[in-house]
Amino acid sequence: MGEISFEDFQKVDIRVGTVVRAEDYPEARKPAIKLWVDFGDEIGVRKSSAQITAHYNPDGLIGKQVMAVVNFPPRQIGKFMSEILVLGLPDAAGEITLIGPDGPVPNGGRMH
């Protein structure tokens, strides 16, 4: 990957939010979970589809704080409109583990 400027980095709006709803998404081509994430008053609740079924189930995600890019345009994922990109890292097997803060922080906080 090529270098980017600090100004380029500032264009990516990465915020913290809390999962308030999660459902299995059996219609997806690859196993996925539908997420509704609360980013606080300024942004509100946004939804996403995430291929995170190896490490997570819907019930266990409620209340979890996650990091997400909130300024991508919406993207149709099957019959579901994804409005954010929830961030994660691959484990040794390539399965995604979500990124979030070490402790509770206010929803909507922007990553620095």
Protein backbone atom coordinates (compact mmCIF):
# COMPACT_ATOMS: atom_id res chain seq x y z
CA MET A 1 0.00 0.00 0.00
CA GLY A 2 1.12 3.51 -0.72
CA GLU A 3 1.52 6.23 1.85
CA ILE A 4 -1.38 8.56 2.57
CA SER A 5 -1.34 12.03 4.02
CA PHE A 6 -2.69 12.96 7.43
CA GLU A 7 -5.44 14.85 5.58
CA ASP A 8 -6.41 11.59 3.83
CA PHE A 9 -6.63 9.84 7.20
CA GLN A 10 -8.84 12.61 8.58
CA LYS A 11 -11.39 11.93 5.83
CA VAL A 12 -12.12 8.49 7.31
CA ASP A 13 -14.65 8.94 10.12
CA ILE A 14 -14.10 6.04 12.55
CA ARG A 15 -16.38 6.09 15.60
CA VAL A 16 -17.22 3.91 18.57
CA GLY A 17 -20.73 2.58 19.02
CA THR A 18 -22.64 0.02 21.05
CA VAL A 19 -24.43 -2.93 19.46
CA VAL A 20 -28.11 -2.56 20.39
CA ARG A 21 -29.55 -5.29 18.16
CA ALA A 22 -28.10 -8.30 16.35
CA GLU A 23 -29.66 -11.03 14.22
CA ASP A 24 -28.44 -13.98 12.21
CA TYR A 25 -28.42 -13.26 8.47
CA PRO A 26 -29.06 -16.69 6.89
CA GLU A 27 -29.80 -15.16 3.45
CA ALA A 28 -26.22 -13.87 3.10
CA ARG A 29 -23.88 -15.72 0.71
CA LYS A 30 -21.35 -16.20 3.53
CA PRO A 31 -22.45 -16.65 7.16
CA ALA A 32 -23.08 -13.20 8.64
CA ILE A 33 -24.78 -11.30 11.43
CA LYS A 34 -26.89 -8.15 11.00
CA LEU A 35 -25.88 -5.47 13.49
CA TRP A 36 -27.55 -2.27 14.65
CA VAL A 37 -25.00 0.00 16.33
CA ASP A 38 -25.81 3.11 18.39
CA PHE A 39 -23.34 5.96 17.80
CA GLY A 40 -25.07 8.47 20.08
CA ASP A 41 -27.21 11.52 19.38
CA GLU A 42 -25.13 13.01 16.55
CA ILE A 43 -25.15 9.91 14.31
CA GLY A 44 -27.84 7.67 15.80
CA VAL A 45 -28.27 3.96 15.12
CA ARG A 46 -26.72 2.58 11.93
CA LYS A 47 -26.79 -0.97 10.59
CA SER A 48 -24.23 -3.33 9.11
CA SER A 49 -23.80 -6.90 7.96
CA ALA A 50 -20.64 -8.55 9.31
CA GLN A 51 -19.05 -11.95 8.60
CA ILE A 52 -18.19 -12.58 12.26
CA THR A 53 -20.02 -15.85 12.99
CA ALA A 54 -16.85 -17.80 13.88
CA HIS A 55 -16.36 -15.83 17.10
CA TYR A 56 -19.73 -14.22 17.83
CA ASN A 57 -23.42 -14.98 18.12
CA PRO A 58 -26.16 -12.34 18.04
CA ASP A 59 -27.06 -12.51 21.75
CA GLY A 60 -23.44 -12.14 22.83
CA LEU A 61 -22.99 -8.97 20.79
CA ILE A 62 -25.66 -6.89 22.52
CA GLY A 63 -23.94 -4.19 24.59
CA LYS A 64 -20.53 -4.72 22.93
CA GLN A 65 -18.72 -1.55 21.87
CA VAL A 66 -17.21 -1.69 18.37
CA MET A 67 -15.32 0.61 16.03
CA ALA A 68 -16.77 1.40 12.61
CA VAL A 69 -16.31 3.64 9.60
CA VAL A 70 -19.47 5.76 9.54
CA ASN A 71 -18.91 7.88 6.41
CA PHE A 72 -18.96 5.26 3.65
CA PRO A 73 -22.00 5.34 1.35
CA PRO A 74 -24.64 2.67 2.11
CA ARG A 75 -24.06 -0.69 0.40
CA GLN A 76 -26.65 -3.32 -0.48
CA ILE A 77 -25.71 -6.71 1.00
CA GLY A 78 -28.35 -9.07 -0.35
CA LYS A 79 -31.70 -7.74 0.90
CA PHE A 80 -30.01 -5.76 3.69
CA MET A 81 -28.67 -2.19 3.39
CA SER A 82 -25.35 -1.84 5.23
CA GLU A 83 -24.69 1.74 6.37
CA ILE A 84 -21.35 1.36 8.20
CA LEU A 85 -18.22 -0.79 8.05
CA VAL A 86 -17.60 -2.49 11.40
CA LEU A 87 -13.86 -2.98 11.89
CA GLY A 88 -12.02 -6.14 12.85
CA LEU A 89 -8.83 -8.10 12.47
CA PRO A 90 -8.28 -11.66 11.21
CA ASP A 91 -7.17 -14.30 13.70
CA ALA A 92 -4.65 -17.03 12.76
CA ALA A 93 -7.39 -18.86 10.81
CA GLY A 94 -8.53 -15.71 9.00
CA GLU A 95 -11.74 -15.32 11.03
CA ILE A 96 -12.65 -11.77 12.05
CA THR A 97 -12.33 -10.50 15.62
CA LEU A 98 -13.98 -7.13 16.25
CA ILE A 99 -12.05 -4.03 17.31
CA GLY A 100 -13.31 -2.00 20.27
CA PRO A 101 -12.14 0.04 23.24
CA ASP A 102 -10.55 -1.57 26.32
CA GLY A 103 -13.18 -0.04 28.58
CA PRO A 104 -16.51 1.79 28.28
CA VAL A 105 -16.41 5.08 26.36
CA PRO A 106 -19.22 7.40 25.20
CA ASN A 107 -20.91 6.33 21.96
CA GLY A 108 -19.95 8.42 18.96
CA GLY A 109 -16.39 9.15 20.05
CA ARG A 110 -14.11 9.62 17.05
CA MET A 111 -10.89 7.66 16.73
CA HIS A 112 -7.72 9.77 16.93
